N, C-alpha and C. Protein backbone atom coordinates (compact mmCIF):
# COMPACT_ATOMS: atom_id res chain seq x y z
N UNK A 1 -24.90 -226.82 -82.94
CA UNK A 1 -25.28 -225.77 -84.00
C UNK A 1 -24.20 -225.85 -84.80
N UNK A 2 -24.21 -225.48 -85.97
CA UNK A 2 -23.31 -225.42 -87.39
C UNK A 2 -22.02 -224.45 -87.13
N UNK A 3 -21.35 -224.93 -87.82
CA UNK A 3 -20.34 -223.45 -88.08
C UNK A 3 -21.02 -222.21 -88.60
N UNK A 4 -21.65 -222.02 -89.77
CA UNK A 4 -22.32 -221.46 -90.08
C UNK A 4 -23.63 -220.53 -89.19
N UNK A 5 -24.68 -221.13 -88.54
CA UNK A 5 -24.80 -220.21 -87.45
C UNK A 5 -24.07 -219.73 -86.71
N UNK A 6 -23.02 -220.75 -86.18
CA UNK A 6 -22.02 -220.06 -84.98
C UNK A 6 -21.68 -217.94 -86.26
N UNK A 7 -20.88 -218.71 -86.92
CA UNK A 7 -20.55 -217.20 -87.81
C UNK A 7 -22.00 -215.95 -88.24
N UNK A 8 -23.06 -216.63 -88.22
CA UNK A 8 -23.97 -215.73 -88.70
C UNK A 8 -24.27 -214.99 -86.98
N UNK A 9 -24.04 -216.11 -85.55
CA UNK A 9 -24.59 -215.07 -84.54
C UNK A 9 -23.48 -214.52 -84.44
N UNK A 10 -21.91 -214.63 -84.93
CA UNK A 10 -20.66 -213.64 -84.38
C UNK A 10 -20.93 -212.52 -84.73
N UNK A 11 -21.42 -212.66 -86.38
CA UNK A 11 -21.71 -211.60 -87.06
C UNK A 11 -23.11 -210.32 -86.51
N UNK A 12 -23.83 -211.22 -85.69
CA UNK A 12 -25.38 -210.34 -85.36
C UNK A 12 -24.74 -209.97 -84.23
N UNK A 13 -23.95 -210.60 -83.33
CA UNK A 13 -23.28 -210.06 -82.06
C UNK A 13 -22.66 -208.60 -82.30
N UNK A 14 -21.56 -208.77 -83.02
CA UNK A 14 -20.36 -207.78 -84.10
C UNK A 14 -21.72 -206.36 -84.20
N UNK A 15 -22.76 -206.69 -85.26
CA UNK A 15 -23.72 -205.47 -85.71
C UNK A 15 -24.48 -204.81 -84.10
N UNK A 16 -24.85 -206.04 -83.66
CA UNK A 16 -25.55 -205.67 -82.59
C UNK A 16 -24.76 -204.36 -81.41
N UNK A 17 -22.82 -205.09 -81.50
CA UNK A 17 -22.47 -204.31 -80.51
C UNK A 17 -22.48 -202.77 -80.61
N UNK A 18 -22.42 -202.45 -81.80
CA UNK A 18 -22.57 -200.76 -81.58
C UNK A 18 -23.38 -200.48 -82.74
N UNK A 19 -24.24 -199.29 -82.63
CA UNK A 19 -24.85 -198.86 -83.41
C UNK A 19 -24.19 -198.13 -84.85
N UNK A 20 -23.06 -197.88 -84.84
CA UNK A 20 -22.41 -196.98 -86.02
C UNK A 20 -22.25 -198.44 -86.72
N UNK A 21 -21.84 -199.39 -86.60
CA UNK A 21 -21.79 -200.76 -87.75
C UNK A 21 -23.41 -200.79 -88.58
N UNK A 22 -22.93 -201.10 -89.71
CA UNK A 22 -24.41 -200.70 -90.56
C UNK A 22 -24.63 -202.78 -91.39
N UNK A 23 -23.42 -202.78 -91.31
CA UNK A 23 -23.45 -204.19 -91.83
C UNK A 23 -22.07 -204.59 -91.86
N UNK A 24 -21.98 -206.39 -91.91
CA UNK A 24 -20.99 -206.81 -91.76
C UNK A 24 -21.06 -207.96 -92.27
N UNK A 25 -19.58 -208.68 -92.97
CA UNK A 25 -19.61 -210.14 -93.62
C UNK A 25 -18.01 -210.70 -93.48
N UNK A 26 -18.50 -212.49 -93.49
CA UNK A 26 -17.08 -212.58 -93.71
C UNK A 26 -16.89 -213.16 -95.26
N UNK A 27 -15.97 -213.01 -95.31
CA UNK A 27 -15.50 -213.93 -97.00
C UNK A 27 -14.25 -214.38 -96.64
N UNK A 28 -13.93 -215.59 -97.99
CA UNK A 28 -13.39 -216.42 -97.78
C UNK A 28 -11.98 -215.60 -98.27
N UNK A 29 -10.80 -216.31 -98.42
CA UNK A 29 -9.62 -215.30 -98.77
C UNK A 29 -9.37 -215.18 -100.60
N UNK A 30 -10.39 -215.74 -100.79
CA UNK A 30 -10.26 -216.14 -102.28
C UNK A 30 -12.09 -215.71 -102.88
N UNK A 31 -12.26 -214.92 -101.90
CA UNK A 31 -13.47 -214.41 -102.29
C UNK A 31 -14.22 -214.48 -102.36
N UNK A 32 -15.29 -215.31 -101.88
CA UNK A 32 -16.51 -215.85 -101.63
C UNK A 32 -16.96 -215.42 -100.34
N UNK A 33 -18.15 -215.20 -100.59
CA UNK A 33 -19.09 -215.09 -98.93
C UNK A 33 -19.25 -216.30 -98.65
N UNK A 34 -18.98 -216.65 -96.72
CA UNK A 34 -18.74 -217.17 -96.18
C UNK A 34 -20.24 -217.39 -95.14
N UNK A 35 -20.22 -215.89 -94.96
CA UNK A 35 -21.38 -215.41 -94.06
C UNK A 35 -22.01 -213.66 -93.97
N UNK A 36 -22.86 -213.73 -93.83
CA UNK A 36 -23.09 -212.34 -94.45
C UNK A 36 -24.44 -211.59 -93.81
N UNK A 37 -23.55 -210.22 -93.25
CA UNK A 37 -24.83 -209.59 -92.59
C UNK A 37 -25.18 -207.98 -93.44
N UNK A 38 -25.04 -208.23 -94.57
CA UNK A 38 -24.65 -207.22 -95.68
C UNK A 38 -26.15 -206.54 -96.03
N UNK A 39 -26.37 -205.57 -96.51
CA UNK A 39 -27.90 -204.54 -96.79
C UNK A 39 -28.74 -205.65 -98.40
N UNK A 40 -29.72 -205.48 -98.23
CA UNK A 40 -30.48 -205.82 -99.44
C UNK A 40 -29.94 -205.35 -100.32
N UNK A 41 -29.56 -205.60 -102.09
CA UNK A 41 -29.39 -204.74 -102.49
C UNK A 41 -27.77 -204.92 -103.31
N UNK A 42 -26.93 -205.47 -102.30
CA UNK A 42 -25.36 -205.22 -102.51
C UNK A 42 -25.46 -206.90 -103.19
N UNK A 43 -24.66 -206.42 -104.05
CA UNK A 43 -24.12 -207.69 -104.96
C UNK A 43 -23.05 -208.36 -104.20
N UNK A 44 -23.26 -209.57 -102.98
CA UNK A 44 -22.10 -209.76 -102.25
C UNK A 44 -21.15 -210.76 -102.94
N UNK A 45 -21.23 -211.42 -103.98
CA UNK A 45 -20.30 -211.57 -104.60
C UNK A 45 -18.99 -210.81 -104.69
N UNK A 46 -19.74 -210.24 -105.82
CA UNK A 46 -18.36 -208.70 -105.71
C UNK A 46 -17.58 -207.66 -104.86
N UNK A 47 -18.64 -208.29 -103.65
CA UNK A 47 -17.99 -207.12 -102.40
C UNK A 47 -16.93 -207.68 -101.92
N UNK A 48 -17.17 -209.38 -101.72
CA UNK A 48 -16.65 -210.56 -101.04
C UNK A 48 -15.37 -209.98 -102.14
N UNK A 49 -15.45 -210.81 -103.39
CA UNK A 49 -14.39 -210.54 -104.04
C UNK A 49 -12.95 -209.26 -104.23
N UNK A 50 -13.87 -208.29 -103.98
CA UNK A 50 -13.54 -207.09 -104.20
C UNK A 50 -12.45 -206.66 -102.35
N UNK A 51 -12.91 -207.27 -101.16
CA UNK A 51 -12.29 -207.02 -100.17
C UNK A 51 -11.39 -208.41 -99.57
N UNK A 52 -11.32 -209.21 -100.63
CA UNK A 52 -10.27 -210.38 -100.52
C UNK A 52 -9.50 -209.33 -100.94
N UNK A 53 -9.31 -208.99 -102.44
CA UNK A 53 -8.48 -208.05 -103.08
C UNK A 53 -8.08 -207.30 -102.52
N UNK A 54 -8.40 -206.53 -101.74
CA UNK A 54 -7.95 -205.44 -100.90
C UNK A 54 -7.12 -205.73 -100.36
N UNK A 55 -7.47 -206.80 -99.26
CA UNK A 55 -7.15 -207.29 -97.78
C UNK A 55 -5.66 -207.27 -98.11
N UNK A 56 -5.84 -208.53 -99.74
CA UNK A 56 -4.43 -208.86 -100.16
C UNK A 56 -3.33 -207.80 -100.61
N UNK A 57 -4.11 -207.35 -101.48
CA UNK A 57 -2.91 -206.23 -101.77
C UNK A 57 -2.54 -205.18 -100.45
N UNK A 58 -3.25 -204.83 -99.57
CA UNK A 58 -2.89 -204.47 -98.24
C UNK A 58 -1.65 -205.13 -97.45
N UNK A 59 -1.99 -206.50 -97.73
CA UNK A 59 -1.07 -207.55 -97.07
C UNK A 59 0.25 -206.81 -97.91
N UNK A 60 0.36 -207.02 -99.42
CA UNK A 60 1.71 -207.03 -99.96
C UNK A 60 2.29 -205.52 -100.04
N UNK A 61 1.49 -204.52 -99.81
CA UNK A 61 2.34 -203.10 -99.58
C UNK A 61 2.48 -203.34 -98.52
N UNK A 62 1.80 -203.55 -97.19
CA UNK A 62 2.45 -203.53 -96.04
C UNK A 62 3.78 -203.90 -95.75
N UNK A 63 4.06 -205.72 -96.24
CA UNK A 63 5.05 -206.07 -96.10
C UNK A 63 6.57 -205.67 -97.35
N UNK A 64 6.29 -205.20 -98.22
CA UNK A 64 6.74 -204.25 -99.39
C UNK A 64 7.56 -203.14 -98.83
N UNK A 65 6.39 -202.38 -97.68
CA UNK A 65 7.63 -201.05 -97.25
C UNK A 65 7.90 -201.12 -95.48
N UNK A 66 7.85 -202.36 -95.44
CA UNK A 66 8.17 -203.10 -94.05
C UNK A 66 7.63 -202.21 -92.97
N UNK A 67 6.47 -202.80 -93.51
CA UNK A 67 5.60 -202.47 -91.96
C UNK A 67 4.79 -203.57 -91.26
N UNK A 68 5.29 -204.47 -91.28
CA UNK A 68 5.18 -206.42 -90.78
C UNK A 68 3.66 -206.52 -91.50
N UNK A 69 3.06 -207.66 -91.05
CA UNK A 69 2.21 -207.95 -91.40
C UNK A 69 0.93 -207.43 -91.53
N UNK A 70 -0.31 -206.82 -92.03
CA UNK A 70 -1.59 -206.03 -92.04
C UNK A 70 -1.87 -206.72 -90.77
N UNK A 71 -2.64 -205.82 -90.02
CA UNK A 71 -3.70 -206.16 -89.06
C UNK A 71 -4.88 -205.26 -89.47
N UNK A 72 -5.20 -203.89 -89.84
CA UNK A 72 -6.15 -203.59 -90.37
C UNK A 72 -6.17 -202.84 -91.52
N UNK A 73 -7.23 -202.76 -92.16
CA UNK A 73 -7.54 -201.91 -93.33
C UNK A 73 -8.69 -201.08 -93.15
N UNK A 74 -8.52 -199.92 -93.58
CA UNK A 74 -10.45 -199.21 -93.86
C UNK A 74 -9.95 -197.94 -94.75
N UNK A 75 -11.07 -197.54 -95.49
CA UNK A 75 -11.64 -196.62 -96.68
C UNK A 75 -12.23 -195.65 -95.53
N UNK A 76 -11.85 -194.81 -96.32
CA UNK A 76 -13.10 -193.85 -95.81
C UNK A 76 -13.72 -193.17 -96.99
N UNK A 77 -15.10 -193.12 -96.48
CA UNK A 77 -15.82 -192.77 -97.83
C UNK A 77 -16.46 -191.19 -97.54
N UNK A 78 -16.91 -190.43 -98.09
CA UNK A 78 -18.05 -189.41 -97.70
C UNK A 78 -19.42 -189.85 -96.95
N UNK A 79 -19.52 -191.13 -96.76
CA UNK A 79 -20.53 -191.45 -95.99
C UNK A 79 -20.57 -192.63 -95.42
N UNK A 80 -19.06 -192.89 -94.95
CA UNK A 80 -18.37 -193.90 -93.95
C UNK A 80 -17.78 -194.62 -94.39
N UNK A 81 -17.63 -195.82 -94.20
CA UNK A 81 -16.32 -196.59 -93.38
C UNK A 81 -16.62 -198.10 -93.78
N UNK A 82 -15.22 -198.67 -94.78
CA UNK A 82 -15.29 -200.39 -94.95
C UNK A 82 -14.35 -200.28 -94.62
N UNK A 83 -14.32 -201.46 -93.41
CA UNK A 83 -13.03 -201.94 -92.68
C UNK A 83 -13.02 -203.26 -92.96
N UNK A 84 -11.99 -203.68 -92.39
CA UNK A 84 -11.17 -205.30 -93.03
C UNK A 84 -9.85 -205.41 -92.47
N UNK A 85 -9.86 -206.73 -91.46
CA UNK A 85 -9.14 -207.33 -90.85
C UNK A 85 -9.40 -208.52 -91.05
N UNK A 86 -8.23 -209.73 -91.20
CA UNK A 86 -8.00 -211.46 -91.20
C UNK A 86 -8.50 -211.28 -89.92
N UNK A 87 -9.30 -212.77 -90.22
CA UNK A 87 -10.13 -213.52 -89.57
C UNK A 87 -10.15 -215.09 -89.26
N UNK A 88 -8.61 -215.16 -89.45
CA UNK A 88 -7.75 -216.39 -89.48
C UNK A 88 -7.65 -216.73 -90.58
N UNK A 89 -6.62 -217.87 -90.79
CA UNK A 89 -5.69 -218.26 -91.96
C UNK A 89 -6.71 -217.99 -93.65
N UNK A 90 -8.18 -218.30 -93.50
CA UNK A 90 -8.11 -218.19 -94.72
C UNK A 90 -9.57 -217.19 -95.04
N UNK A 91 -10.11 -216.31 -93.72
CA UNK A 91 -11.21 -216.08 -93.83
C UNK A 91 -10.95 -214.09 -93.26
N UNK A 92 -11.93 -213.33 -94.10
CA UNK A 92 -11.64 -212.01 -93.68
C UNK A 92 -13.01 -211.72 -93.15
N UNK A 93 -13.06 -210.22 -92.07
CA UNK A 93 -14.00 -210.53 -91.71
C UNK A 93 -14.04 -208.85 -91.93
N UNK A 94 -15.67 -208.52 -93.04
CA UNK A 94 -15.24 -207.15 -93.32
C UNK A 94 -16.86 -206.26 -92.24
N UNK A 95 -16.38 -205.00 -92.73
CA UNK A 95 -17.78 -204.15 -91.67
C UNK A 95 -17.93 -202.95 -92.58
N UNK A 96 -19.16 -202.05 -92.51
CA UNK A 96 -19.68 -200.81 -92.98
C UNK A 96 -20.07 -200.22 -91.42
N UNK A 97 -19.18 -198.91 -91.66
CA UNK A 97 -19.16 -197.45 -90.43
C UNK A 97 -20.21 -196.77 -90.93
N UNK A 98 -20.31 -196.13 -89.93
CA UNK A 98 -20.99 -194.59 -90.44
C UNK A 98 -19.98 -193.65 -90.71
N UNK A 99 -20.27 -192.58 -90.93
CA UNK A 99 -19.50 -191.85 -90.90
C UNK A 99 -18.50 -190.98 -89.51
N UNK A 100 -19.51 -191.22 -89.13
CA UNK A 100 -18.99 -189.99 -87.44
C UNK A 100 -18.68 -191.42 -86.03
N UNK A 101 -18.43 -192.93 -86.71
CA UNK A 101 -18.11 -193.70 -86.14
C UNK A 101 -16.77 -193.93 -85.16
N UNK A 102 -17.19 -194.16 -84.05
CA UNK A 102 -15.58 -194.12 -82.64
C UNK A 102 -15.27 -195.45 -83.70
N UNK A 103 -13.95 -194.82 -84.27
CA UNK A 103 -13.08 -196.28 -84.98
C UNK A 103 -12.29 -197.17 -84.11
N UNK A 104 -12.03 -196.50 -82.78
CA UNK A 104 -11.00 -197.39 -82.03
C UNK A 104 -12.34 -198.13 -81.26
N UNK A 105 -13.57 -197.58 -81.41
CA UNK A 105 -14.30 -198.94 -80.32
C UNK A 105 -14.72 -199.48 -81.54
N UNK A 106 -14.97 -199.43 -82.78
CA UNK A 106 -15.16 -199.83 -83.88
C UNK A 106 -13.96 -201.37 -84.51
N UNK A 107 -13.16 -201.06 -84.12
CA UNK A 107 -12.12 -202.05 -84.03
C UNK A 107 -11.60 -202.86 -83.08
N UNK A 108 -12.27 -202.10 -81.55
CA UNK A 108 -12.10 -203.59 -80.79
C UNK A 108 -13.40 -204.53 -80.75
N UNK A 109 -14.11 -204.01 -81.20
CA UNK A 109 -15.19 -204.72 -81.40
C UNK A 109 -15.12 -205.91 -82.45
N UNK A 110 -14.06 -205.36 -83.61
CA UNK A 110 -13.92 -206.06 -85.09
C UNK A 110 -12.86 -207.76 -84.63
N UNK A 111 -12.18 -207.05 -83.66
CA UNK A 111 -10.75 -207.79 -83.24
C UNK A 111 -11.58 -208.99 -82.17
N UNK A 112 -12.32 -208.45 -81.43
CA UNK A 112 -13.23 -209.70 -80.93
C UNK A 112 -13.70 -210.38 -81.89
N UNK A 113 -14.89 -210.24 -82.62
CA UNK A 113 -15.51 -210.84 -83.91
C UNK A 113 -14.19 -211.90 -84.17
N UNK A 114 -13.50 -211.29 -84.91
CA UNK A 114 -12.46 -211.90 -85.89
C UNK A 114 -12.16 -213.16 -85.48
N UNK A 115 -11.48 -212.68 -83.50
CA UNK A 115 -10.74 -214.15 -82.91
C UNK A 115 -12.20 -214.85 -82.56
N UNK A 116 -13.51 -214.31 -82.55
CA UNK A 116 -14.59 -215.53 -82.58
C UNK A 116 -14.27 -216.68 -83.77
N UNK A 117 -14.73 -215.34 -85.08
CA UNK A 117 -14.07 -216.41 -86.05
C UNK A 117 -12.86 -217.45 -86.41
N UNK A 118 -11.86 -216.86 -86.00
CA UNK A 118 -10.80 -217.94 -86.01
C UNK A 118 -11.30 -219.11 -85.16
N UNK A 119 -11.63 -218.86 -83.95
CA UNK A 119 -12.28 -220.66 -82.89
C UNK A 119 -12.91 -220.95 -84.01
N UNK A 120 -14.13 -220.33 -84.36
CA UNK A 120 -15.11 -220.85 -85.30
C UNK A 120 -14.64 -222.46 -86.63
N UNK A 121 -13.64 -221.06 -87.35
CA UNK A 121 -13.14 -221.69 -88.28
C UNK A 121 -12.22 -222.69 -88.21
N UNK A 122 -11.64 -222.69 -87.29
CA UNK A 122 -9.96 -223.48 -87.12
C UNK A 122 -10.60 -224.76 -86.23
């Protein structure tokens, strides 16, 4: 199996792990889509660029405020959550979750998917 197939399988497993996860993707730290299960109509390139920028900014803020390296990032909107975390040296795992999602379980599943992504990309 190719790495892209492995990454797509990782995303499929993540999305299947919880009905609260509506979409997910793996993007490069440069803001390019690597693998994606984002809804139709979403501009993948724009989402990837913004996600990478948010994680980069979160990392800088966390270090500047002496909170250590960034582990997780989430944005709560009226209709749900944007969740993100590093998934290797040069990759970011992002996910969209429902507004009533159990975040503890979601982050557990995201950590597992991030670990799988790290192994595939290393």
